[in-house]
Amino acid sequence: MKQIFSFLAVSTLLSLGASADAAECYADYKAKQDNPLRLHYGVMQVSTCQKGQAKQEVAQRLQSSGWTLLNVISVFGPEGLDQRKANAGKYYLRF
């Protein structure tokens, strides 16, 4: 019986951790292309709310479209989308 309780407790804790990572997360960033120099500010949905991991994800997704990540400004939840939409323009949730 003790083993069943331990298993249930561990399962519950793991599922809570997974749901925290599955939260809606977004990153706003700055990127560039060379020859000719082009810059843009954008917002993209990311799979993690941790800035370091989000930075890697943003860089990889931008690179596949010929862009170089300059920096991730912040990582935020859905409550921050509206205030960034106008500034991101055509790069709002594009990648």
Protein backbone atom coordinates (compact mmCIF):
# COMPACT_ATOMS: atom_id res chain seq x y z
CA MET A 1 0.00 0.00 0.00
CA LYS A 2 2.86 2.36 0.84
CA GLN A 3 4.38 1.76 -2.61
CA ILE A 4 1.10 2.64 -4.33
CA PHE A 5 0.85 5.88 -2.35
CA SER A 6 4.46 6.76 -3.22
CA PHE A 7 3.81 6.04 -6.90
CA LEU A 8 0.68 8.23 -6.91
CA ALA A 9 2.49 11.08 -5.15
CA VAL A 10 5.38 11.00 -7.62
CA SER A 11 2.99 10.79 -10.59
CA THR A 12 1.05 13.79 -9.35
CA LEU A 13 4.20 15.86 -8.86
CA LEU A 14 5.48 14.97 -12.32
CA SER A 15 2.20 15.90 -13.96
CA LEU A 16 2.18 19.25 -12.17
CA GLY A 17 5.68 19.97 -13.43
CA ALA A 18 4.72 19.04 -16.98
CA SER A 19 1.72 21.36 -16.93
CA ALA A 20 3.90 24.26 -15.80
CA ASP A 21 6.18 23.76 -18.81
CA ALA A 22 3.16 23.44 -21.10
CA ALA A 23 1.93 26.94 -20.22
CA GLU A 24 1.54 29.43 -23.06
CA CYS A 25 4.85 31.21 -23.38
CA TYR A 26 6.02 33.85 -25.84
CA ALA A 27 9.31 35.59 -26.48
CA ASP A 28 9.92 39.00 -27.97
CA TYR A 29 13.23 39.36 -29.76
CA LYS A 30 15.35 41.37 -32.18
CA ALA A 31 16.88 39.78 -35.29
CA LYS A 32 18.90 40.75 -38.35
CA GLN A 33 19.81 39.70 -41.87
CA ASP A 34 22.96 40.81 -43.69
CA ASN A 35 23.52 41.92 -47.29
CA PRO A 36 21.56 44.13 -47.24
CA LEU A 37 21.24 44.77 -43.52
CA ARG A 38 17.66 44.25 -42.33
CA LEU A 39 16.45 44.35 -38.73
CA HIS A 40 13.20 43.32 -37.15
CA TYR A 41 11.46 43.06 -33.80
CA GLY A 42 9.15 40.09 -33.41
CA VAL A 43 7.11 37.93 -31.09
CA MET A 44 6.92 34.15 -31.30
CA GLN A 45 5.34 31.40 -29.25
CA VAL A 46 7.94 29.21 -27.57
CA SER A 47 7.73 25.85 -25.84
CA THR A 48 9.30 27.00 -22.56
CA CYS A 49 9.02 29.97 -20.24
CA GLN A 50 12.71 29.79 -19.34
CA LYS A 51 14.59 32.58 -21.10
CA GLY A 52 17.79 30.61 -21.76
CA GLN A 53 15.98 27.71 -23.40
CA ALA A 54 13.64 30.05 -25.26
CA LYS A 55 16.66 31.90 -26.66
CA GLN A 56 17.96 28.67 -28.22
CA GLU A 57 14.56 27.86 -29.70
CA VAL A 58 14.11 31.36 -31.15
CA ALA A 59 17.62 31.33 -32.66
CA GLN A 60 17.05 27.96 -34.36
CA ARG A 61 13.68 28.92 -35.80
CA LEU A 62 14.95 32.27 -37.08
CA GLN A 63 18.10 30.71 -38.57
CA SER A 64 16.03 28.33 -40.67
CA SER A 65 14.49 31.41 -42.32
CA GLY A 66 17.81 33.22 -42.84
CA TRP A 67 17.67 35.48 -39.77
CA THR A 68 20.22 35.83 -36.96
CA LEU A 69 18.95 36.36 -33.42
CA LEU A 70 20.38 39.47 -31.80
CA ASN A 71 18.67 39.03 -28.43
CA VAL A 72 15.59 37.77 -26.64
CA ILE A 73 14.17 40.73 -24.79
CA SER A 74 11.75 38.86 -22.56
CA VAL A 75 9.66 35.72 -22.14
CA PHE A 76 6.07 36.24 -21.06
CA GLY A 77 2.59 34.75 -20.97
CA PRO A 78 -0.47 35.52 -23.11
CA GLU A 79 -1.22 38.62 -21.04
CA GLY A 80 1.69 40.41 -22.74
CA LEU A 81 0.67 39.75 -26.35
CA ASP A 82 -1.63 42.72 -26.99
CA GLN A 83 0.89 45.34 -25.91
CA ARG A 84 3.53 43.95 -28.31
CA LYS A 85 1.37 43.27 -31.37
CA ALA A 86 1.62 46.72 -32.98
CA ASN A 87 5.41 46.94 -32.55
CA ALA A 88 6.00 43.47 -34.01
CA GLY A 89 3.90 44.17 -37.11
CA LYS A 90 4.31 41.41 -39.70
CA TYR A 91 6.69 39.55 -37.36
CA TYR A 92 3.97 39.04 -34.73
CA LEU A 93 3.72 35.25 -34.29
CA ARG A 94 5.21 34.76 -37.78
CA PHE A 95 7.82 32.13 -36.87
